[in-house]
Amino acid sequence: MKLRGYGEDRLVTELLRDLTRGKKVIVGAGDDCAVLGRRSDRVWQLLKTDCVVEGIHFRPDEDRRRVGWKALARALSDIAAMGGEPHHALITVAISAESDVRELKAIYAGLNKCARRFGVGIVGGETSRSPGPLFLSIAMTGEVKKGRCVLRSGGKAGDELFVTGRLGGSISGRHLDFVPRLKEAQWLTKNYRLHAMMDLSDGLGADLPRLASASGVGFEIDESSLPIGRGTTIPSAMSDGEDYELLFAVAPRDSEKLQRAWRRKFPKLPLTRVGRLCSLATPRKAKRSGFDHFA
């Protein structure tokens, strides 16, 4: 059977089934980052790798500085989703030997701009000739305090679901210029007990079912409440992907207090209640949608 039609989630589940985890693994494959350390440690290490591929994540004519920014920012968004702080990055670039030197320098200008903005050190990597499309891979390290690490798997029936920012329409250019929600995630985990969190890379319609499945619960979405971007639609907000906003679950008792404090702390960034987690016996009120590499 070919990969096309196999489905990304099914494929990943099968690939991860027999992986060797090694020692000192708190969280292995399957969350936004791997978490390494001992249960008794005060601080845990975060590991993340991500990639962008020409023709999939950006068009051939896109500004290479923006491509560099996006490549690093994607990994930073996953660090944010764990409540962590980024530290260092390794950059792998595969590019045609016929490309202009200025193209590669522009990519690194974008990488450096993002790294400076978020205090990340770029400490090495690999550069290779490629006969195919341009490819960038980022390997990222970070850390998270034990008590502030948030996984996808901690959601509970009854939790209220929130998303930051606006959803949909990222293809208009926002997917190249988005700001990873690092400071927002760190504020949330410092002040509130989040039960589950992840970043929205494949769209709410694909990522929320992943969070719910990891937590062993169902979900309901109030589509009329979705914070859709200008010029977009509810289906677009559900399935476009590459929003890189935070999706998180919190106990109902914390909901009102959190929303009031958020408005004071981040008055220019919307925070929207979009639904709730529920028991698996409760029917889901949204069809699964979103980006899938192998649909």
C-alpha atoms as a PDB file:
ATOM      1  CA  MET A   1       0.000   0.000   0.000  1.00  0.00           C
ATOM      2  CA  LYS A   2       1.294   3.467  -0.907  1.00  0.00           C
ATOM      3  CA  LEU A   3       1.736   6.228   1.675  1.00  0.00           C
ATOM      4  CA  ARG A   4      -0.879   8.323  -0.112  1.00  0.00           C
ATOM      5  CA  GLY A   5      -4.193   7.307   1.404  1.00  0.00           C
ATOM      6  CA  TYR A   6      -2.578   5.682   4.435  1.00  0.00           C
ATOM      7  CA  GLY A   7      -3.167   8.654   6.725  1.00  0.00           C
ATOM      8  CA  GLU A   8      -0.555  10.526   8.758  1.00  0.00           C
ATOM      9  CA  ASP A   9      -1.878   9.573  12.203  1.00  0.00           C
ATOM     10  CA  ARG A  10      -2.159   5.899  11.322  1.00  0.00           C
ATOM     11  CA  LEU A  11       1.332   5.900   9.845  1.00  0.00           C
ATOM     12  CA  VAL A  12       2.907   7.641  12.841  1.00  0.00           C
ATOM     13  CA  THR A  13       1.167   5.271  15.272  1.00  0.00           C
ATOM     14  CA  GLU A  14       2.549   2.250  13.472  1.00  0.00           C
ATOM     15  CA  LEU A  15       6.061   3.692  13.175  1.00  0.00           C
ATOM     16  CA  LEU A  16       6.220   4.584  16.870  1.00  0.00           C
ATOM     17  CA  ARG A  17       4.934   1.254  18.144  1.00  0.00           C
ATOM     18  CA  ASP A  18       8.311  -0.518  18.329  1.00  0.00           C
ATOM     19  CA  LEU A  19      10.722   2.390  18.810  1.00  0.00           C
ATOM     20  CA  THR A  20      13.513   1.960  21.352  1.00  0.00           C
ATOM     21  CA  ARG A  21      13.029   4.675  23.972  1.00  0.00           C
ATOM     22  CA  GLY A  22      16.344   4.551  25.835  1.00  0.00           C
ATOM     23  CA  LYS A  23      16.962   5.818  29.354  1.00  0.00           C
ATOM     24  CA  LYS A  24      15.726   8.886  31.213  1.00  0.00           C
ATOM     25  CA  VAL A  25      12.768   9.416  28.879  1.00  0.00           C
ATOM     26  CA  ILE A  26       9.832  11.130  30.562  1.00  0.00           C
ATOM     27  CA  VAL A  27       7.896  11.580  27.308  1.00  0.00           C
ATOM     28  CA  GLY A  28       8.919   9.944  24.048  1.00  0.00           C
ATOM     29  CA  ALA A  29       7.549  10.311  20.542  1.00  0.00           C
ATOM     30  CA  GLY A  30       3.953  11.424  20.154  1.00  0.00           C
ATOM     31  CA  ASP A  31       3.817  14.820  21.884  1.00  0.00           C
ATOM     32  CA  ASP A  32       4.992  18.250  20.711  1.00  0.00           C
ATOM     33  CA  CYS A  33       8.471  17.575  22.158  1.00  0.00           C
ATOM     34  CA  ALA A  34      10.334  14.713  23.753  1.00  0.00           C
ATOM     35  CA  VAL A  35      10.986  15.228  27.477  1.00  0.00           C
ATOM     36  CA  LEU A  36      14.158  13.822  29.047  1.00  0.00           C
ATOM     37  CA  GLY A  37      15.283  13.623  32.660  1.00  0.00           C
ATOM     38  CA  ARG A  38      14.489  11.881  35.912  1.00  0.00           C
ATOM     39  CA  ARG A  39      11.178  12.146  37.707  1.00  0.00           C
ATOM     40  CA  SER A  40      13.005  13.702  40.653  1.00  0.00           C
ATOM     41  CA  ASP A  41      14.658  16.452  38.556  1.00  0.00           C
ATOM     42  CA  ARG A  42      13.475  20.029  39.030  1.00  0.00           C
ATOM     43  CA  VAL A  43      14.042  20.849  35.338  1.00  0.00           C
ATOM     44  CA  TRP A  44      13.564  18.561  32.337  1.00  0.00           C
ATOM     45  CA  GLN A  45      15.208  18.770  28.915  1.00  0.00           C
ATOM     46  CA  LEU A  46      13.116  19.254  25.766  1.00  0.00           C
ATOM     47  CA  LEU A  47      14.086  17.938  22.326  1.00  0.00           C
ATOM     48  CA  LYS A  48      12.351  18.844  19.082  1.00  0.00           C
ATOM     49  CA  THR A  49      12.975  18.418  15.365  1.00  0.00           C
ATOM     50  CA  ASP A  50      10.962  19.936  12.534  1.00  0.00           C
ATOM     51  CA  CYS A  51      11.341  20.610   8.827  1.00  0.00           C
ATOM     52  CA  VAL A  52      10.062  22.760   5.983  1.00  0.00           C
ATOM     53  CA  VAL A  53      10.044  21.532   2.379  1.00  0.00           C
ATOM     54  CA  GLU A  54       9.757  23.662  -0.750  1.00  0.00           C
ATOM     55  CA  GLY A  55       6.425  23.036  -2.440  1.00  0.00           C
ATOM     56  CA  ILE A  56       4.844  21.756   0.796  1.00  0.00           C
ATOM     57  CA  HIS A  57       5.495  24.417   3.438  1.00  0.00           C
ATOM     58  CA  PHE A  58       6.418  27.327   1.163  1.00  0.00           C
ATOM     59  CA  ARG A  59       6.249  28.222  -2.522  1.00  0.00           C
ATOM     60  CA  PRO A  60       9.405  28.301  -4.680  1.00  0.00           C
ATOM     61  CA  ASP A  61       9.091  32.081  -5.094  1.00  0.00           C
ATOM     62  CA  GLU A  62       8.808  32.905  -1.365  1.00  0.00           C
ATOM     63  CA  ASP A  63      11.280  35.328   0.236  1.00  0.00           C
ATOM     64  CA  ARG A  64      14.003  33.091   1.649  1.00  0.00           C
ATOM     65  CA  ARG A  65      14.385  35.279   4.733  1.00  0.00           C
ATOM     66  CA  ARG A  66      10.772  34.521   5.610  1.00  0.00           C
ATOM     67  CA  VAL A  67      11.366  30.813   4.946  1.00  0.00           C
ATOM     68  CA  GLY A  68      14.279  30.849   7.406  1.00  0.00           C
ATOM     69  CA  TRP A  69      12.144  32.565  10.033  1.00  0.00           C
ATOM     70  CA  LYS A  70       9.350  30.031   9.597  1.00  0.00           C
ATOM     71  CA  ALA A  71      11.661  27.034   9.820  1.00  0.00           C
ATOM     72  CA  LEU A  72      12.970  28.023  13.247  1.00  0.00           C
ATOM     73  CA  ALA A  73       9.665  29.459  14.507  1.00  0.00           C
ATOM     74  CA  ARG A  74       7.896  26.134  13.890  1.00  0.00           C
ATOM     75  CA  ALA A  75      10.211  24.363  16.327  1.00  0.00           C
ATOM     76  CA  LEU A  76       9.853  27.210  18.823  1.00  0.00           C
ATOM     77  CA  SER A  77       6.077  26.851  18.661  1.00  0.00           C
ATOM     78  CA  ASP A  78       6.384  23.239  19.809  1.00  0.00           C
ATOM     79  CA  ILE A  79       8.663  24.264  22.686  1.00  0.00           C
ATOM     80  CA  ALA A  80       5.983  26.796  23.660  1.00  0.00           C
ATOM     81  CA  ALA A  81       3.306  24.099  23.586  1.00  0.00           C
ATOM     82  CA  MET A  82       5.171  22.222  26.339  1.00  0.00           C
ATOM     83  CA  GLY A  83       5.468  25.347  28.500  1.00  0.00           C
ATOM     84  CA  GLY A  84       9.219  25.400  27.862  1.00  0.00           C
ATOM     85  CA  GLU A  85      12.075  27.763  27.079  1.00  0.00           C
ATOM     86  CA  PRO A  86      14.206  27.269  23.926  1.00  0.00           C
ATOM     87  CA  HIS A  87      17.994  27.029  24.126  1.00  0.00           C
ATOM     88  CA  HIS A  88      19.932  25.871  21.054  1.00  0.00           C
ATOM     89  CA  ALA A  89      19.309  24.827  17.461  1.00  0.00           C
ATOM     90  CA  LEU A  90      21.093  22.775  14.804  1.00  0.00           C
ATOM     91  CA  ILE A  91      20.243  23.611  11.186  1.00  0.00           C
ATOM     92  CA  THR A  92      20.320  21.147   8.290  1.00  0.00           C
ATOM     93  CA  VAL A  93      19.860  22.562   4.780  1.00  0.00           C
ATOM     94  CA  ALA A  94      19.665  20.535   1.562  1.00  0.00           C
ATOM     95  CA  ILE A  95      19.801  22.765  -1.533  1.00  0.00           C
ATOM     96  CA  SER A  96      20.595  22.524  -5.240  1.00  0.00           C
ATOM     97  CA  ALA A  97      24.198  23.223  -6.235  1.00  0.00           C
ATOM     98  CA  GLU A  98      22.767  25.494  -8.963  1.00  0.00           C
ATOM     99  CA  SER A  99      21.194  27.821  -6.387  1.00  0.00           C
ATOM    100  CA  ASP A 100      22.624  31.285  -5.918  1.00  0.00           C
ATOM    101  CA  VAL A 101      24.776  31.780  -2.823  1.00  0.00           C
ATOM    102  CA  ARG A 102      22.557  34.725  -1.926  1.00  0.00           C
ATOM    103  CA  GLU A 103      19.604  32.357  -1.539  1.00  0.00           C
ATOM    104  CA  LEU A 104      21.301  30.372   1.231  1.00  0.00           C
ATOM    105  CA  LYS A 105      22.531  33.558   2.911  1.00  0.00           C
ATOM    106  CA  ALA A 106      18.978  34.916   2.899  1.00  0.00           C
ATOM    107  CA  ILE A 107      17.726  31.739   4.585  1.00  0.00           C
ATOM    108  CA  TYR A 108      20.306  32.150   7.316  1.00  0.00           C
ATOM    109  CA  ALA A 109      19.408  35.823   7.698  1.00  0.00           C
ATOM    110  CA  GLY A 110      15.845  34.726   8.493  1.00  0.00           C
ATOM    111  CA  LEU A 111      17.049  32.006  10.848  1.00  0.00           C
ATOM    112  CA  ASN A 112      19.272  34.483  12.685  1.00  0.00           C
ATOM    113  CA  LYS A 113      16.509  37.074  12.952  1.00  0.00           C
ATOM    114  CA  CYS A 114      14.228  34.548  14.628  1.00  0.00           C
ATOM    115  CA  ALA A 115      17.026  33.224  16.847  1.00  0.00           C
ATOM    116  CA  ARG A 116      17.906  36.716  18.100  1.00  0.00           C
ATOM    117  CA  ARG A 117      14.241  37.528  18.773  1.00  0.00           C
ATOM    118  CA  PHE A 118      13.794  34.510  21.038  1.00  0.00           C
ATOM    119  CA  GLY A 119      17.246  34.093  22.552  1.00  0.00           C
ATOM    120  CA  VAL A 120      18.174  30.905  20.691  1.00  0.00           C
ATOM    121  CA  GLY A 121      21.757  29.936  19.908  1.00  0.00           C
ATOM    122  CA  ILE A 122      22.400  28.399  16.465  1.00  0.00           C
ATOM    123  CA  VAL A 123      25.300  26.078  17.243  1.00  0.00           C
ATOM    124  CA  GLY A 124      25.835  23.930  14.138  1.00  0.00           C
ATOM    125  CA  GLY A 125      24.166  21.635  11.647  1.00  0.00           C
ATOM    126  CA  GLU A 126      24.750  20.311   8.130  1.00  0.00           C
ATOM    127  CA  THR A 127      24.634  21.661   4.582  1.00  0.00           C
ATOM    128  CA  SER A 128      24.113  19.240   1.705  1.00  0.00           C
ATOM    129  CA  ARG A 129      23.577  19.290  -2.044  1.00  0.00           C
ATOM    130  CA  SER A 130      20.116  18.137  -3.066  1.00  0.00           C
ATOM    131  CA  PRO A 131      18.723  17.150  -6.493  1.00  0.00           C
ATOM    132  CA  GLY A 132      15.220  17.842  -5.252  1.00  0.00           C
ATOM    133  CA  PRO A 133      13.404  20.732  -3.590  1.00  0.00           C
ATOM    134  CA  LEU A 134      14.970  22.940  -0.943  1.00  0.00           C
ATOM    135  CA  PHE A 135      14.729  21.350   2.509  1.00  0.00           C
ATOM    136  CA  LEU A 136      15.440  22.747   5.978  1.00  0.00           C
ATOM    137  CA  SER A 137      15.458  20.685   9.164  1.00  0.00           C
ATOM    138  CA  ILE A 138      15.714  22.148  12.663  1.00  0.00           C
ATOM    139  CA  ALA A 139      16.852  20.256  15.763  1.00  0.00           C
ATOM    140  CA  MET A 140      16.027  22.213  18.924  1.00  0.00           C
ATOM    141  CA  THR A 141      16.837  21.879  22.605  1.00  0.00           C
ATOM    142  CA  GLY A 142      15.057  23.544  25.478  1.00  0.00           C
ATOM    143  CA  GLU A 143      14.029  23.036  29.053  1.00  0.00           C
ATOM    144  CA  VAL A 144      10.907  23.127  31.162  1.00  0.00           C
ATOM    145  CA  LYS A 145      10.353  23.196  34.895  1.00  0.00           C
ATOM    146  CA  LYS A 146       8.884  19.924  36.081  1.00  0.00           C
ATOM    147  CA  GLY A 147       5.786  21.527  37.531  1.00  0.00           C
ATOM    148  CA  ARG A 148       5.082  23.539  34.382  1.00  0.00           C
ATOM    149  CA  CYS A 149       5.431  20.858  31.706  1.00  0.00           C
ATOM    150  CA  VAL A 150       2.132  20.428  29.836  1.00  0.00           C
ATOM    151  CA  LEU A 151       1.427  17.370  27.679  1.00  0.00           C
ATOM    152  CA  ARG A 152      -1.334  16.562  25.217  1.00  0.00           C
ATOM    153  CA  SER A 153      -2.434  13.671  27.379  1.00  0.00           C
ATOM    154  CA  GLY A 154      -3.663  15.394  30.560  1.00  0.00           C
ATOM    155  CA  GLY A 155      -7.072  16.597  29.400  1.00  0.00           C
ATOM    156  CA  LYS A 156     -10.116  15.685  31.506  1.00  0.00           C
ATOM    157  CA  ALA A 157     -13.802  15.413  30.671  1.00  0.00           C
ATOM    158  CA  GLY A 158     -15.394  18.759  31.460  1.00  0.00           C
ATOM    159  CA  ASP A 159     -12.300  20.832  30.703  1.00  0.00           C
ATOM    160  CA  GLU A 160     -12.897  23.988  28.707  1.00  0.00           C
ATOM    161  CA  LEU A 161     -10.931  24.438  25.486  1.00  0.00           C
ATOM    162  CA  PHE A 162      -9.272  27.708  24.495  1.00  0.00           C
ATOM    163  CA  VAL A 163      -7.272  28.926  21.528  1.00  0.00           C
ATOM    164  CA  THR A 164      -5.069  31.995  21.254  1.00  0.00           C
ATOM    165  CA  GLY A 165      -5.203  34.404  18.321  1.00  0.00           C
ATOM    166  CA  ARG A 166      -7.234  33.873  15.160  1.00  0.00           C
ATOM    167  CA  LEU A 167      -7.606  30.817  12.957  1.00  0.00           C
ATOM    168  CA  GLY A 168      -7.674  30.306   9.195  1.00  0.00           C
ATOM    169  CA  GLY A 169      -6.257  32.079   6.187  1.00  0.00           C
ATOM    170  CA  SER A 170      -2.607  31.513   7.045  1.00  0.00           C
ATOM    171  CA  ILE A 171      -1.778  30.883   3.380  1.00  0.00           C
ATOM    172  CA  SER A 172      -2.178  34.634   2.750  1.00  0.00           C
ATOM    173  CA  GLY A 173       1.262  35.042   4.320  1.00  0.00           C
ATOM    174  CA  ARG A 174       0.889  34.671   8.075  1.00  0.00           C
ATOM    175  CA  HIS A 175       2.343  31.141   7.960  1.00  0.00           C
ATOM    176  CA  LEU A 176       5.724  32.702   7.080  1.00  0.00           C
ATOM    177  CA  ASP A 177       5.663  35.508   9.655  1.00  0.00           C
ATOM    178  CA  PHE A 178       3.875  34.085  12.688  1.00  0.00           C
ATOM    179  CA  VAL A 179       5.195  34.708  16.186  1.00  0.00           C
ATOM    180  CA  PRO A 180       5.475  31.555  18.333  1.00  0.00           C
ATOM    181  CA  ARG A 181       3.507  31.970  21.567  1.00  0.00           C
ATOM    182  CA  LEU A 182       6.423  31.403  23.925  1.00  0.00           C
ATOM    183  CA  LYS A 183       5.777  34.229  26.384  1.00  0.00           C
ATOM    184  CA  GLU A 184       2.055  33.506  26.434  1.00  0.00           C
ATOM    185  CA  ALA A 185       2.609  29.810  27.169  1.00  0.00           C
ATOM    186  CA  GLN A 186       5.114  30.566  29.913  1.00  0.00           C
ATOM    187  CA  TRP A 187       2.688  33.032  31.519  1.00  0.00           C
ATOM    188  CA  LEU A 188      -0.115  30.449  31.350  1.00  0.00           C
ATOM    189  CA  THR A 189       1.920  27.663  32.914  1.00  0.00           C
ATOM    190  CA  LYS A 190       3.288  29.963  35.611  1.00  0.00           C
ATOM    191  CA  ASN A 191      -0.143  31.160  36.721  1.00  0.00           C
ATOM    192  CA  TYR A 192      -2.588  28.343  35.915  1.00  0.00           C
ATOM    193  CA  ARG A 193      -2.721  24.571  35.944  1.00  0.00           C
ATOM    194  CA  LEU A 194      -3.304  23.625  32.325  1.00  0.00           C
ATOM    195  CA  HIS A 195      -4.366  20.024  31.852  1.00  0.00           C
ATOM    196  CA  ALA A 196      -3.306  19.694  28.193  1.00  0.00           C
ATOM    197  CA  MET A 197      -1.832  21.878  25.452  1.00  0.00           C
ATOM    198  CA  MET A 198      -0.492  21.716  21.905  1.00  0.00           C
ATOM    199  CA  ASP A 199       0.179  24.107  19.042  1.00  0.00           C
ATOM    200  CA  LEU A 200      -2.100  24.224  16.002  1.00  0.00           C
ATOM    201  CA  SER A 201       0.009  23.307  12.982  1.00  0.00           C
ATOM    202  CA  ASP A 202      -2.401  21.116  10.989  1.00  0.00           C
ATOM    203  CA  GLY A 203      -5.612  22.946  11.831  1.00  0.00           C
ATOM    204  CA  LEU A 204      -8.032  22.742  14.755  1.00  0.00           C
ATOM    205  CA  GLY A 205      -9.996  20.028  12.963  1.00  0.00           C
ATOM    206  CA  ALA A 206      -6.953  17.735  12.910  1.00  0.00           C
ATOM    207  CA  ASP A 207      -5.111  18.758  16.074  1.00  0.00           C
ATOM    208  CA  LEU A 208      -7.972  18.815  18.576  1.00  0.00           C
ATOM    209  CA  PRO A 209      -8.831  15.150  17.879  1.00  0.00           C
ATOM    210  CA  ARG A 210      -5.167  14.329  18.525  1.00  0.00           C
ATOM    211  CA  LEU A 211      -5.242  16.085  21.897  1.00  0.00           C
ATOM    212  CA  ALA A 212      -8.524  14.428  22.831  1.00  0.00           C
ATOM    213  CA  SER A 213      -7.284  11.003  21.759  1.00  0.00           C
ATOM    214  CA  ALA A 214      -4.059  11.392  23.741  1.00  0.00           C
ATOM    215  CA  SER A 215      -6.149  12.330  26.787  1.00  0.00           C
ATOM    216  CA  GLY A 216      -8.620   9.478  26.307  1.00  0.00           C
ATOM    217  CA  VAL A 217     -11.632  11.781  26.060  1.00  0.00           C
ATOM    218  CA  GLY A 218     -14.009  13.159  23.475  1.00  0.00           C
ATOM    219  CA  PHE A 219     -14.639  16.769  22.513  1.00  0.00           C
ATOM    220  CA  GLU A 220     -17.260  19.251  21.408  1.00  0.00           C
ATOM    221  CA  ILE A 221     -16.568  22.384  19.360  1.00  0.00           C
ATOM    222  CA  ASP A 222     -18.772  25.468  19.291  1.00  0.00           C
ATOM    223  CA  GLU A 223     -18.043  26.445  15.688  1.00  0.00           C
ATOM    224  CA  SER A 224     -19.980  29.698  16.012  1.00  0.00           C
ATOM    225  CA  SER A 225     -17.432  30.899  18.571  1.00  0.00           C
ATOM    226  CA  LEU A 226     -14.310  30.243  16.493  1.00  0.00           C
ATOM    227  CA  PRO A 227     -12.045  33.314  16.217  1.00  0.00           C
ATOM    228  CA  ILE A 228     -11.767  33.299  12.436  1.00  0.00           C
ATOM    229  CA  GLY A 229      -9.276  35.498  10.632  1.00  0.00           C
ATOM    230  CA  ARG A 230     -10.300  38.352   8.378  1.00  0.00           C
ATOM    231  CA  GLY A 231     -11.690  37.132   5.069  1.00  0.00           C
ATOM    232  CA  THR A 232     -11.844  33.482   6.136  1.00  0.00           C
ATOM    233  CA  THR A 233     -14.661  31.070   6.969  1.00  0.00           C
ATOM    234  CA  ILE A 234     -15.434  28.542   9.684  1.00  0.00           C
ATOM    235  CA  PRO A 235     -14.347  25.596   7.470  1.00  0.00           C
ATOM    236  CA  SER A 236     -11.121  27.483   6.777  1.00  0.00           C
ATOM    237  CA  ALA A 237     -10.550  28.091  10.487  1.00  0.00           C
ATOM    238  CA  MET A 238     -11.030  24.385  11.129  1.00  0.00           C
ATOM    239  CA  SER A 239      -8.875  22.960   8.374  1.00  0.00           C
ATOM    240  CA  ASP A 240      -6.397  25.424   6.847  1.00  0.00           C
ATOM    241  CA  GLY A 241      -3.585  24.645   9.281  1.00  0.00           C
ATOM    242  CA  GLU A 242      -0.350  26.516   9.978  1.00  0.00           C
ATOM    243  CA  ASP A 243      -1.963  28.862  12.499  1.00  0.00           C
ATOM    244  CA  TYR A 244       0.667  28.055  15.168  1.00  0.00           C
ATOM    245  CA  GLU A 245      -1.651  29.218  17.925  1.00  0.00           C
ATOM    246  CA  LEU A 246      -1.989  27.455  21.283  1.00  0.00           C
ATOM    247  CA  LEU A 247      -4.848  25.075  22.018  1.00  0.00           C
ATOM    248  CA  PHE A 248      -5.211  24.219  25.698  1.00  0.00           C
ATOM    249  CA  ALA A 249      -7.584  22.638  28.196  1.00  0.00           C
ATOM    250  CA  VAL A 250      -8.285  24.016  31.658  1.00  0.00           C
ATOM    251  CA  ALA A 251     -10.685  23.161  34.468  1.00  0.00           C
ATOM    252  CA  PRO A 252     -13.993  25.119  34.329  1.00  0.00           C
ATOM    253  CA  ARG A 253     -13.342  26.631  37.772  1.00  0.00           C
ATOM    254  CA  ASP A 254     -10.306  28.483  36.367  1.00  0.00           C
ATOM    255  CA  SER A 255     -11.940  29.671  33.156  1.00  0.00           C
ATOM    256  CA  GLU A 256     -13.354  33.066  34.091  1.00  0.00           C
ATOM    257  CA  LYS A 257     -10.375  34.141  36.174  1.00  0.00           C
ATOM    258  CA  LEU A 258      -7.979  33.142  33.404  1.00  0.00           C
ATOM    259  CA  GLN A 259      -9.909  35.068  30.752  1.00  0.00           C
ATOM    260  CA  ARG A 260      -9.990  38.252  32.844  1.00  0.00           C
ATOM    261  CA  ALA A 261      -6.272  38.033  33.602  1.00  0.00           C
ATOM    262  CA  TRP A 262      -5.471  37.302  29.949  1.00  0.00           C
ATOM    263  CA  ARG A 263      -7.258  40.433  28.760  1.00  0.00           C
ATOM    264  CA  ARG A 264      -5.158  42.508  31.138  1.00  0.00           C
ATOM    265  CA  LYS A 265      -1.862  40.799  30.242  1.00  0.00           C
ATOM    266  CA  PHE A 266      -2.342  40.395  26.468  1.00  0.00           C
ATOM    267  CA  PRO A 267      -4.957  42.976  25.412  1.00  0.00           C
ATOM    268  CA  LYS A 268      -4.052  42.755  21.720  1.00  0.00           C
ATOM    269  CA  LEU A 269      -4.212  38.947  21.442  1.00  0.00           C
ATOM    270  CA  PRO A 270      -7.627  37.258  21.549  1.00  0.00           C
ATOM    271  CA  LEU A 271      -8.246  34.258  23.785  1.00  0.00           C
ATOM    272  CA  THR A 272     -11.381  32.332  22.842  1.00  0.00           C
ATOM    273  CA  ARG A 273     -13.283  29.483  24.435  1.00  0.00           C
ATOM    274  CA  VAL A 274     -14.047  27.148  21.524  1.00  0.00           C
ATOM    275  CA  GLY A 275     -15.504  24.062  23.194  1.00  0.00           C
ATOM    276  CA  ARG A 276     -14.930  21.457  25.842  1.00  0.00           C
ATOM    277  CA  LEU A 277     -13.612  17.981  26.439  1.00  0.00           C
ATOM    278  CA  CYS A 278     -16.187  15.347  27.290  1.00  0.00           C
ATOM    279  CA  SER A 279     -16.569  11.654  27.938  1.00  0.00           C
ATOM    280  CA  LEU A 280     -16.007   9.332  25.018  1.00  0.00           C
ATOM    281  CA  ALA A 281     -19.681   8.408  25.177  1.00  0.00           C
ATOM    282  CA  THR A 282     -20.607  11.953  24.133  1.00  0.00           C
ATOM    283  CA  PRO A 283     -20.854  12.336  20.331  1.00  0.00           C
ATOM    284  CA  ARG A 284     -18.322  14.613  18.709  1.00  0.00           C
ATOM    285  CA  LYS A 285     -19.938  17.649  17.147  1.00  0.00           C
ATOM    286  CA  ALA A 286     -17.310  18.348  14.516  1.00  0.00           C
ATOM    287  CA  LYS A 287     -15.994  16.333  11.611  1.00  0.00           C
ATOM    288  CA  ARG A 288     -12.292  15.686  11.559  1.00  0.00           C
ATOM    289  CA  SER A 289     -10.494  17.902   9.068  1.00  0.00           C
ATOM    290  CA  GLY A 290      -7.173  19.626   8.605  1.00  0.00           C
ATOM    291  CA  PHE A 291      -3.894  19.043   6.824  1.00  0.00           C
ATOM    292  CA  ASP A 292      -2.625  15.456   6.441  1.00  0.00           C
ATOM    293  CA  HIS A 293       0.640  14.725   4.621  1.00  0.00           C
ATOM    294  CA  PHE A 294      -0.544  11.246   3.607  1.00  0.00           C
ATOM    295  CA  ALA A 295      -4.309  11.568   3.239  1.00  0.00           C
END
